[in-house]
Amino acid sequence: GKQRELVAAITSGGSTDYAHSVKGRFTISRDNAKNTVYLQMNSLKL
């Protein structure tokens, strides 16, 4: 019932930014050699 929202971003150079709602709990990272981006989510909430 909600619109899609951006929660975490990472630049090609590795700089990161987070939505206020997940800051301090989620961590975005990337491995360019594996063409993969990750999202580590801790302290999950309902």
All heavy atoms as atom14 arrays in JSON, in Angstrom:
{
  "sequence": "GKQRELVAAITSGGSTDYAHSVKGRFTISRDNAKNTVYLQMNSLKL",
  "atom14_mask": [
    [1, 1, 1, 1, 0, 0, 0, 0, 0, 0, 0, 0, 0, 0],
    [1, 1, 1, 1, 1, 1, 1, 1, 1, 0, 0, 0, 0, 0],
    [1, 1, 1, 1, 1, 1, 1, 1, 1, 0, 0, 0, 0, 0],
    [1, 1, 1, 1, 1, 1, 1, 1, 1, 1, 1, 0, 0, 0],
    [1, 1, 1, 1, 1, 1, 1, 1, 1, 0, 0, 0, 0, 0],
    [1, 1, 1, 1, 1, 1, 1, 1, 0, 0, 0, 0, 0, 0],
    [1, 1, 1, 1, 1, 1, 1, 0, 0, 0, 0, 0, 0, 0],
    [1, 1, 1, 1, 1, 0, 0, 0, 0, 0, 0, 0, 0, 0],
    [1, 1, 1, 1, 1, 0, 0, 0, 0, 0, 0, 0, 0, 0],
    [1, 1, 1, 1, 1, 1, 1, 1, 0, 0, 0, 0, 0, 0],
    [1, 1, 1, 1, 1, 1, 1, 0, 0, 0, 0, 0, 0, 0],
    [1, 1, 1, 1, 1, 1, 0, 0, 0, 0, 0, 0, 0, 0],
    [1, 1, 1, 1, 0, 0, 0, 0, 0, 0, 0, 0, 0, 0],
    [1, 1, 1, 1, 0, 0, 0, 0, 0, 0, 0, 0, 0, 0],
    [1, 1, 1, 1, 1, 1, 0, 0, 0, 0, 0, 0, 0, 0],
    [1, 1, 1, 1, 1, 1, 1, 0, 0, 0, 0, 0, 0, 0],
    [1, 1, 1, 1, 1, 1, 1, 1, 0, 0, 0, 0, 0, 0],
    [1, 1, 1, 1, 1, 1, 1, 1, 1, 1, 1, 1, 0, 0],
    [1, 1, 1, 1, 1, 0, 0, 0, 0, 0, 0, 0, 0, 0],
    [1, 1, 1, 1, 1, 1, 1, 1, 1, 1, 0, 0, 0, 0],
    [1, 1, 1, 1, 1, 1, 0, 0, 0, 0, 0, 0, 0, 0],
    [1, 1, 1, 1, 1, 1, 1, 0, 0, 0, 0, 0, 0, 0],
    [1, 1, 1, 1, 1, 1, 1, 1, 1, 0, 0, 0, 0, 0],
    [1, 1, 1, 1, 0, 0, 0, 0, 0, 0, 0, 0, 0, 0],
    [1, 1, 1, 1, 1, 1, 1, 1, 1, 1, 1, 0, 0, 0],
    [1, 1, 1, 1, 1, 1, 1, 1, 1, 1, 1, 0, 0, 0],
    [1, 1, 1, 1, 1, 1, 1, 0, 0, 0, 0, 0, 0, 0],
    [1, 1, 1, 1, 1, 1, 1, 1, 0, 0, 0, 0, 0, 0],
    [1, 1, 1, 1, 1, 1, 0, 0, 0, 0, 0, 0, 0, 0],
    [1, 1, 1, 1, 1, 1, 1, 1, 1, 1, 1, 0, 0, 0],
    [1, 1, 1, 1, 1, 1, 1, 1, 0, 0, 0, 0, 0, 0],
    [1, 1, 1, 1, 1, 1, 1, 1, 0, 0, 0, 0, 0, 0],
    [1, 1, 1, 1, 1, 0, 0, 0, 0, 0, 0, 0, 0, 0],
    [1, 1, 1, 1, 1, 1, 1, 1, 1, 0, 0, 0, 0, 0],
    [1, 1, 1, 1, 1, 1, 1, 1, 0, 0, 0, 0, 0, 0],
    [1, 1, 1, 1, 1, 1, 1, 0, 0, 0, 0, 0, 0, 0],
    [1, 1, 1, 1, 1, 1, 1, 0, 0, 0, 0, 0, 0, 0],
    [1, 1, 1, 1, 1, 1, 1, 1, 1, 1, 1, 1, 0, 0],
    [1, 1, 1, 1, 1, 1, 1, 1, 0, 0, 0, 0, 0, 0],
    [1, 1, 1, 1, 1, 1, 1, 1, 1, 0, 0, 0, 0, 0],
    [1, 1, 1, 1, 1, 1, 1, 1, 0, 0, 0, 0, 0, 0],
    [1, 1, 1, 1, 1, 1, 1, 1, 0, 0, 0, 0, 0, 0],
    [1, 1, 1, 1, 1, 1, 0, 0, 0, 0, 0, 0, 0, 0],
    [1, 1, 1, 1, 1, 1, 1, 1, 0, 0, 0, 0, 0, 0],
    [1, 1, 1, 1, 1, 1, 1, 1, 1, 0, 0, 0, 0, 0],
    [1, 1, 1, 1, 1, 1, 1, 1, 0, 0, 0, 0, 0, 0]
  ],
  "atom14_positions": [
    [[0.78, -1.22, 0.0], [0.0, 0.0, 0.0], [0.82, 1.28, 0.0], [0.25, 2.37, 0.11], [0.0, 0.0, 0.0], [0.0, 0.0, 0.0], [0.0, 0.0, 0.0], [0.0, 0.0, 0.0], [0.0, 0.0, 0.0], [0.0, 0.0, 0.0], [0.0, 0.0, 0.0], [0.0, 0.0, 0.0], [0.0, 0.0, 0.0], [0.0, 0.0, 0.0]],
    [[2.13, 1.16, -0.12], [2.99, 2.34, -0.09], [3.81, 2.44, -1.36], [3.99, 1.47, -2.09], [3.91, 2.31, 1.13], [3.18, 2.4, 2.46], [4.15, 2.55, 3.6], [3.42, 2.72, 4.92], [4.37, 2.89, 6.06], [0.0, 0.0, 0.0], [0.0, 0.0, 0.0], [0.0, 0.0, 0.0], [0.0, 0.0, 0.0], [0.0, 0.0, 0.0]],
    [[4.34, 3.62, -1.62], [5.2, 3.82, -2.77], [6.59, 3.27, -2.5], [7.03, 3.17, -1.36], [5.29, 5.32, -3.1], [4.02, 5.9, -3.7], [4.23, 7.3, -4.23], [5.07, 8.04, -3.74], [3.47, 7.66, -5.24], [0.0, 0.0, 0.0], [0.0, 0.0, 0.0], [0.0, 0.0, 0.0], [0.0, 0.0, 0.0], [0.0, 0.0, 0.0]],
    [[7.25, 2.91, -3.56], [8.63, 2.45, -3.45], [9.5, 3.61, -2.98], [9.35, 4.74, -3.45], [9.1, 1.93, -4.8], [10.41, 1.18, -4.77], [10.69, 0.57, -6.13], [9.72, -0.47, -6.45], [9.62, -1.06, -7.64], [10.43, -0.69, -8.62], [8.73, -1.98, -7.85], [0.0, 0.0, 0.0], [0.0, 0.0, 0.0], [0.0, 0.0, 0.0]],
    [[10.41, 3.31, -2.06], [11.27, 4.35, -1.52], [12.73, 3.89, -1.52], [13.02, 2.71, -1.36], [10.86, 4.71, -0.08], [10.97, 3.57, 0.91], [10.73, 3.99, 2.35], [10.8, 5.2, 2.65], [10.5, 3.1, 3.19], [0.0, 0.0, 0.0], [0.0, 0.0, 0.0], [0.0, 0.0, 0.0], [0.0, 0.0, 0.0], [0.0, 0.0, 0.0]],
    [[13.61, 4.85, -1.68], [15.04, 4.59, -1.61], [15.47, 4.57, -0.14], [15.19, 5.51, 0.59], [15.81, 5.67, -2.36], [17.33, 5.62, -2.33], [17.84, 4.41, -3.09], [17.92, 6.9, -2.91], [0.0, 0.0, 0.0], [0.0, 0.0, 0.0], [0.0, 0.0, 0.0], [0.0, 0.0, 0.0], [0.0, 0.0, 0.0], [0.0, 0.0, 0.0]],
    [[16.14, 3.5, 0.27], [16.56, 3.42, 1.67], [18.07, 3.55, 1.85], [18.55, 3.94, 2.91], [16.06, 2.14, 2.36], [14.55, 2.11, 2.4], [16.59, 0.89, 1.66], [0.0, 0.0, 0.0], [0.0, 0.0, 0.0], [0.0, 0.0, 0.0], [0.0, 0.0, 0.0], [0.0, 0.0, 0.0], [0.0, 0.0, 0.0], [0.0, 0.0, 0.0]],
    [[18.84, 3.19, 0.81], [20.3, 3.28, 0.93], [20.89, 3.42, -0.46], [20.37, 2.85, -1.41], [20.87, 2.05, 1.62], [0.0, 0.0, 0.0], [0.0, 0.0, 0.0], [0.0, 0.0, 0.0], [0.0, 0.0, 0.0], [0.0, 0.0, 0.0], [0.0, 0.0, 0.0], [0.0, 0.0, 0.0], [0.0, 0.0, 0.0], [0.0, 0.0, 0.0]],
    [[21.97, 4.17, -0.55], [22.62, 4.38, -1.84], [24.13, 4.34, -1.66], [24.65, 4.69, -0.6], [22.19, 5.72, -2.44], [0.0, 0.0, 0.0], [0.0, 0.0, 0.0], [0.0, 0.0, 0.0], [0.0, 0.0, 0.0], [0.0, 0.0, 0.0], [0.0, 0.0, 0.0], [0.0, 0.0, 0.0], [0.0, 0.0, 0.0], [0.0, 0.0, 0.0]],
    [[24.8, 3.92, -2.73], [26.26, 3.89, -2.72], [26.74, 4.34, -4.09], [26.26, 3.87, -5.12], [26.78, 2.49, -2.35], [28.31, 2.51, -2.22], [26.3, 1.42, -3.32], [28.86, 1.25, -1.54], [0.0, 0.0, 0.0], [0.0, 0.0, 0.0], [0.0, 0.0, 0.0], [0.0, 0.0, 0.0], [0.0, 0.0, 0.0], [0.0, 0.0, 0.0]],
    [[27.67, 5.27, -4.11], [28.19, 5.76, -5.37], [29.18, 4.76, -5.96], [29.61, 3.82, -5.29], [28.88, 7.11, -5.2], [30.07, 6.92, -4.41], [27.98, 8.12, -4.52], [0.0, 0.0, 0.0], [0.0, 0.0, 0.0], [0.0, 0.0, 0.0], [0.0, 0.0, 0.0], [0.0, 0.0, 0.0], [0.0, 0.0, 0.0], [0.0, 0.0, 0.0]],
    [[29.56, 5.0, -7.19], [30.56, 4.14, -7.82], [31.87, 4.19, -7.06], [32.65, 3.23, -7.07], [30.76, 4.54, -9.28], [31.17, 5.91, -9.35], [0.0, 0.0, 0.0], [0.0, 0.0, 0.0], [0.0, 0.0, 0.0], [0.0, 0.0, 0.0], [0.0, 0.0, 0.0], [0.0, 0.0, 0.0], [0.0, 0.0, 0.0], [0.0, 0.0, 0.0]],
    [[32.11, 5.28, -6.36], [33.33, 5.43, -5.59], [33.23, 4.92, -4.16], [34.22, 4.93, -3.43], [0.0, 0.0, 0.0], [0.0, 0.0, 0.0], [0.0, 0.0, 0.0], [0.0, 0.0, 0.0], [0.0, 0.0, 0.0], [0.0, 0.0, 0.0], [0.0, 0.0, 0.0], [0.0, 0.0, 0.0], [0.0, 0.0, 0.0], [0.0, 0.0, 0.0]],
    [[32.03, 4.51, -3.75], [31.87, 3.91, -2.43], [31.28, 4.8, -1.35], [31.12, 4.37, -0.21], [0.0, 0.0, 0.0], [0.0, 0.0, 0.0], [0.0, 0.0, 0.0], [0.0, 0.0, 0.0], [0.0, 0.0, 0.0], [0.0, 0.0, 0.0], [0.0, 0.0, 0.0], [0.0, 0.0, 0.0], [0.0, 0.0, 0.0], [0.0, 0.0, 0.0]],
    [[30.92, 6.02, -1.68], [30.26, 6.88, -0.7], [28.83, 6.41, -0.5], [28.17, 5.99, -1.45], [30.27, 8.33, -1.17], [31.6, 8.82, -1.28], [0.0, 0.0, 0.0], [0.0, 0.0, 0.0], [0.0, 0.0, 0.0], [0.0, 0.0, 0.0], [0.0, 0.0, 0.0], [0.0, 0.0, 0.0], [0.0, 0.0, 0.0], [0.0, 0.0, 0.0]],
    [[28.36, 6.5, 0.74], [27.05, 5.97, 1.07], [26.13, 7.04, 1.65], [26.58, 8.05, 2.18], [27.16, 4.81, 2.07], [27.79, 5.29, 3.26], [27.98, 3.67, 1.49], [0.0, 0.0, 0.0], [0.0, 0.0, 0.0], [0.0, 0.0, 0.0], [0.0, 0.0, 0.0], [0.0, 0.0, 0.0], [0.0, 0.0, 0.0], [0.0, 0.0, 0.0]],
    [[24.83, 6.77, 1.55], [23.83, 7.64, 2.13], [22.62, 6.78, 2.48], [22.38, 5.75, 1.84], [23.43, 8.75, 1.17], [22.73, 9.9, 1.87], [22.75, 9.95, 3.11], [22.13, 10.75, 1.17], [0.0, 0.0, 0.0], [0.0, 0.0, 0.0], [0.0, 0.0, 0.0], [0.0, 0.0, 0.0], [0.0, 0.0, 0.0], [0.0, 0.0, 0.0]],
    [[21.87, 7.21, 3.49], [20.77, 6.4, 4.0], [19.55, 7.26, 4.29], [19.67, 8.43, 4.67], [21.2, 5.7, 5.3], [22.38, 4.79, 5.13], [23.67, 5.25, 5.31], [22.19, 3.46, 4.75], [24.76, 4.41, 5.12], [23.27, 2.61, 4.58], [24.56, 3.09, 4.76], [25.63, 2.26, 4.57], [0.0, 0.0, 0.0], [0.0, 0.0, 0.0]],
    [[18.4, 6.63, 4.14], [17.18, 7.25, 4.61], [17.23, 7.35, 6.13], [17.84, 6.51, 6.8], [15.97, 6.44, 4.16], [0.0, 0.0, 0.0], [0.0, 0.0, 0.0], [0.0, 0.0, 0.0], [0.0, 0.0, 0.0], [0.0, 0.0, 0.0], [0.0, 0.0, 0.0], [0.0, 0.0, 0.0], [0.0, 0.0, 0.0], [0.0, 0.0, 0.0]],
    [[16.57, 8.36, 6.65], [16.59, 8.58, 8.1], [16.08, 7.35, 8.84], [16.59, 7.01, 9.92], [15.75, 9.8, 8.44], [15.65, 10.08, 9.9], [16.7, 10.61, 10.63], [14.64, 9.88, 10.78], [16.33, 10.74, 11.89], [15.08, 10.31, 12.02], [0.0, 0.0, 0.0], [0.0, 0.0, 0.0], [0.0, 0.0, 0.0], [0.0, 0.0, 0.0]],
    [[15.1, 6.68, 8.26], [14.45, 5.56, 8.94], [15.37, 4.35, 9.14], [15.08, 3.5, 9.99], [13.2, 5.12, 8.17], [13.55, 4.73, 6.85], [0.0, 0.0, 0.0], [0.0, 0.0, 0.0], [0.0, 0.0, 0.0], [0.0, 0.0, 0.0], [0.0, 0.0, 0.0], [0.0, 0.0, 0.0], [0.0, 0.0, 0.0], [0.0, 0.0, 0.0]],
    [[16.46, 4.27, 8.38], [17.33, 3.09, 8.48], [18.75, 3.46, 8.9], [19.57, 2.57, 9.13], [17.38, 2.31, 7.16], [15.97, 1.97, 6.7], [18.14, 3.06, 6.08], [0.0, 0.0, 0.0], [0.0, 0.0, 0.0], [0.0, 0.0, 0.0], [0.0, 0.0, 0.0], [0.0, 0.0, 0.0], [0.0, 0.0, 0.0], [0.0, 0.0, 0.0]],
    [[19.03, 4.73, 9.01], [20.39, 5.17, 9.34], [20.82, 4.59, 10.69], [20.06, 4.63, 11.66], [20.46, 6.69, 9.35], [21.86, 7.25, 9.4], [21.87, 8.76, 9.16], [21.48, 9.11, 7.76], [21.59, 10.57, 7.49], [0.0, 0.0, 0.0], [0.0, 0.0, 0.0], [0.0, 0.0, 0.0], [0.0, 0.0, 0.0], [0.0, 0.0, 0.0]],
    [[22.01, 4.04, 10.71], [22.52, 3.43, 11.93], [22.16, 1.96, 12.08], [22.71, 1.27, 12.95], [0.0, 0.0, 0.0], [0.0, 0.0, 0.0], [0.0, 0.0, 0.0], [0.0, 0.0, 0.0], [0.0, 0.0, 0.0], [0.0, 0.0, 0.0], [0.0, 0.0, 0.0], [0.0, 0.0, 0.0], [0.0, 0.0, 0.0], [0.0, 0.0, 0.0]],
    [[21.25, 1.48, 11.25], [20.83, 0.07, 11.32], [21.21, -0.7, 10.05], [21.5, -1.89, 10.11], [19.32, -0.02, 11.52], [18.83, 0.63, 12.79], [17.35, 0.33, 13.04], [16.48, 0.84, 11.99], [15.69, 0.07, 11.24], [15.67, -1.24, 11.42], [14.91, 0.63, 10.32], [0.0, 0.0, 0.0], [0.0, 0.0, 0.0], [0.0, 0.0, 0.0]],
    [[21.15, -0.04, 8.9], [21.44, -0.68, 7.62], [22.79, -0.2, 7.1], [23.18, 0.94, 7.31], [20.37, -0.34, 6.59], [19.02, -0.95, 6.82], [18.7, -1.62, 8.0], [18.03, -0.86, 5.84], [17.46, -2.18, 8.2], [16.78, -1.4, 6.02], [16.5, -2.06, 7.21], [0.0, 0.0, 0.0], [0.0, 0.0, 0.0], [0.0, 0.0, 0.0]],
    [[23.47, -1.09, 6.39], [24.74, -0.75, 5.76], [24.75, -1.26, 4.33], [24.54, -2.46, 4.1], [25.92, -1.36, 6.53], [25.91, -0.91, 7.89], [27.24, -0.95, 5.88], [0.0, 0.0, 0.0], [0.0, 0.0, 0.0], [0.0, 0.0, 0.0], [0.0, 0.0, 0.0], [0.0, 0.0, 0.0], [0.0, 0.0, 0.0], [0.0, 0.0, 0.0]],
    [[24.98, -0.36, 3.4], [25.08, -0.74, 2.0], [26.56, -0.86, 1.63], [27.4, -0.07, 2.1], [24.36, 0.27, 1.08], [24.3, -0.24, -0.36], [24.99, 1.65, 1.18], [23.42, 0.62, -1.27], [0.0, 0.0, 0.0], [0.0, 0.0, 0.0], [0.0, 0.0, 0.0], [0.0, 0.0, 0.0], [0.0, 0.0, 0.0], [0.0, 0.0, 0.0]],
    [[26.88, -1.84, 0.81], [28.25, -2.01, 0.34], [28.2, -2.62, -1.06], [27.14, -3.07, -1.52], [29.05, -2.9, 1.29], [28.47, -4.19, 1.4], [0.0, 0.0, 0.0], [0.0, 0.0, 0.0], [0.0, 0.0, 0.0], [0.0, 0.0, 0.0], [0.0, 0.0, 0.0], [0.0, 0.0, 0.0], [0.0, 0.0, 0.0], [0.0, 0.0, 0.0]],
    [[29.35, -2.65, -1.7], [29.39, -3.21, -3.04], [30.71, -3.91, -3.27], [31.74, -3.55, -2.67], [29.16, -2.14, -4.11], [30.25, -1.09, -4.2], [29.82, 0.09, -5.07], [29.56, -0.32, -6.45], [28.85, 0.41, -7.31], [28.34, 1.57, -6.94], [28.66, -0.01, -8.55], [0.0, 0.0, 0.0], [0.0, 0.0, 0.0], [0.0, 0.0, 0.0]],
    [[30.69, -4.89, -4.16], [31.89, -5.6, -4.6], [31.87, -5.57, -6.12], [31.16, -6.37, -6.74], [31.9, -7.03, -4.06], [33.17, -7.78, -4.39], [33.87, -7.38, -5.34], [33.47, -8.77, -3.7], [0.0, 0.0, 0.0], [0.0, 0.0, 0.0], [0.0, 0.0, 0.0], [0.0, 0.0, 0.0], [0.0, 0.0, 0.0], [0.0, 0.0, 0.0]],
    [[32.59, -4.65, -6.7], [32.54, -4.49, -8.15], [33.1, -5.7, -8.89], [32.69, -5.99, -10.01], [33.28, -3.23, -8.56], [32.55, -1.96, -8.18], [31.33, -1.97, -7.99], [33.28, -0.86, -8.05], [0.0, 0.0, 0.0], [0.0, 0.0, 0.0], [0.0, 0.0, 0.0], [0.0, 0.0, 0.0], [0.0, 0.0, 0.0], [0.0, 0.0, 0.0]],
    [[34.03, -6.4, -8.27], [34.58, -7.6, -8.91], [33.53, -8.69, -9.06], [33.62, -9.53, -9.95], [35.77, -8.11, -8.1], [0.0, 0.0, 0.0], [0.0, 0.0, 0.0], [0.0, 0.0, 0.0], [0.0, 0.0, 0.0], [0.0, 0.0, 0.0], [0.0, 0.0, 0.0], [0.0, 0.0, 0.0], [0.0, 0.0, 0.0], [0.0, 0.0, 0.0]],
    [[32.54, -8.67, -8.17], [31.46, -9.66, -8.21], [30.17, -9.08, -8.76], [29.13, -9.76, -8.75], [31.22, -10.21, -6.81], [32.4, -10.99, -6.24], [32.06, -11.55, -4.87], [33.23, -12.36, -4.31], [32.93, -12.91, -2.95], [0.0, 0.0, 0.0], [0.0, 0.0, 0.0], [0.0, 0.0, 0.0], [0.0, 0.0, 0.0], [0.0, 0.0, 0.0]],
    [[30.21, -7.83, -9.22], [28.99, -7.17, -9.73], [27.85, -7.26, -8.72], [26.7, -7.51, -9.09], [28.55, -7.8, -11.06], [29.29, -7.22, -12.24], [30.3, -6.56, -12.1], [28.78, -7.49, -13.44], [0.0, 0.0, 0.0], [0.0, 0.0, 0.0], [0.0, 0.0, 0.0], [0.0, 0.0, 0.0], [0.0, 0.0, 0.0], [0.0, 0.0, 0.0]],
    [[28.16, -7.07, -7.45], [27.18, -7.29, -6.4], [27.12, -6.1, -5.45], [28.15, -5.52, -5.1], [27.53, -8.56, -5.6], [27.57, -9.68, -6.5], [26.49, -8.83, -4.52], [0.0, 0.0, 0.0], [0.0, 0.0, 0.0], [0.0, 0.0, 0.0], [0.0, 0.0, 0.0], [0.0, 0.0, 0.0], [0.0, 0.0, 0.0], [0.0, 0.0, 0.0]],
    [[25.9, -5.77, -5.05], [25.68, -4.78, -4.01], [24.94, -5.47, -2.87], [24.07, -6.32, -3.11], [24.91, -3.56, -4.55], [23.56, -3.93, -5.1], [24.79, -2.47, -3.51], [0.0, 0.0, 0.0], [0.0, 0.0, 0.0], [0.0, 0.0, 0.0], [0.0, 0.0, 0.0], [0.0, 0.0, 0.0], [0.0, 0.0, 0.0], [0.0, 0.0, 0.0]],
    [[25.3, -5.11, -1.65], [24.75, -5.76, -0.46], [23.99, -4.76, 0.39], [24.26, -3.55, 0.36], [25.88, -6.36, 0.38], [26.75, -7.34, -0.35], [27.98, -6.95, -0.9], [26.37, -8.67, -0.5], [28.79, -7.85, -1.57], [27.18, -9.58, -1.17], [28.38, -9.16, -1.7], [29.19, -10.07, -2.36], [0.0, 0.0, 0.0], [0.0, 0.0, 0.0]],
    [[23.08, -5.28, 1.2], [22.44, -4.48, 2.23], [22.41, -5.31, 3.51], [21.67, -6.29, 3.59], [21.02, -4.07, 1.82], [20.35, -3.1, 2.78], [21.05, -1.74, 2.75], [18.87, -2.93, 2.45], [0.0, 0.0, 0.0], [0.0, 0.0, 0.0], [0.0, 0.0, 0.0], [0.0, 0.0, 0.0], [0.0, 0.0, 0.0], [0.0, 0.0, 0.0]],
    [[23.23, -4.91, 4.47], [23.22, -5.53, 5.78], [22.19, -4.8, 6.63], [22.29, -3.59, 6.82], [24.6, -5.44, 6.43], [24.66, -6.02, 7.82], [24.46, -7.52, 7.86], [25.01, -8.25, 7.04], [23.66, -7.99, 8.8], [0.0, 0.0, 0.0], [0.0, 0.0, 0.0], [0.0, 0.0, 0.0], [0.0, 0.0, 0.0], [0.0, 0.0, 0.0]],
    [[21.22, -5.55, 7.1], [20.12, -4.96, 7.88], [20.18, -5.52, 9.29], [20.0, -6.72, 9.5], [18.78, -5.29, 7.22], [18.71, -4.86, 5.76], [17.05, -5.02, 5.06], [16.82, -6.78, 5.21], [0.0, 0.0, 0.0], [0.0, 0.0, 0.0], [0.0, 0.0, 0.0], [0.0, 0.0, 0.0], [0.0, 0.0, 0.0], [0.0, 0.0, 0.0]],
    [[20.41, -4.65, 10.24], [20.45, -5.03, 11.65], [19.33, -4.34, 12.41], [18.71, -3.39, 11.92], [21.8, -4.64, 12.26], [22.97, -5.34, 11.6], [22.85, -6.47, 11.13], [24.11, -4.67, 11.56], [0.0, 0.0, 0.0], [0.0, 0.0, 0.0], [0.0, 0.0, 0.0], [0.0, 0.0, 0.0], [0.0, 0.0, 0.0], [0.0, 0.0, 0.0]],
    [[19.07, -4.83, 13.61], [18.05, -4.23, 14.47], [16.74, -4.04, 13.71], [16.14, -2.96, 13.74], [18.53, -2.9, 15.04], [19.74, -3.06, 15.75], [0.0, 0.0, 0.0], [0.0, 0.0, 0.0], [0.0, 0.0, 0.0], [0.0, 0.0, 0.0], [0.0, 0.0, 0.0], [0.0, 0.0, 0.0], [0.0, 0.0, 0.0], [0.0, 0.0, 0.0]],
    [[16.32, -5.08, 13.04], [15.13, -4.98, 12.19], [13.9, -4.61, 13.01], [13.74, -5.03, 14.17], [14.91, -6.3, 11.46], [15.86, -6.55, 10.29], [15.81, -8.02, 9.86], [15.51, -5.65, 9.12], [0.0, 0.0, 0.0], [0.0, 0.0, 0.0], [0.0, 0.0, 0.0], [0.0, 0.0, 0.0], [0.0, 0.0, 0.0], [0.0, 0.0, 0.0]],
    [[13.03, -3.84, 12.38], [11.78, -3.4, 12.98], [10.61, -3.91, 12.14], [10.77, -4.22, 10.96], [11.74, -1.88, 13.04], [12.87, -1.25, 13.84], [12.75, 0.27, 13.82], [13.87, 0.92, 14.64], [13.74, 2.4, 14.63], [0.0, 0.0, 0.0], [0.0, 0.0, 0.0], [0.0, 0.0, 0.0], [0.0, 0.0, 0.0], [0.0, 0.0, 0.0]],
    [[9.45, -3.94, 12.77], [8.25, -4.38, 12.05], [8.04, -3.57, 10.77], [7.63, -4.12, 9.73], [7.02, -4.25, 12.95], [7.0, -5.11, 14.22], [5.77, -4.78, 15.05], [7.05, -6.59, 13.88], [0.0, 0.0, 0.0], [0.0, 0.0, 0.0], [0.0, 0.0, 0.0], [0.0, 0.0, 0.0], [0.0, 0.0, 0.0], [0.0, 0.0, 0.0]]
  ]
}
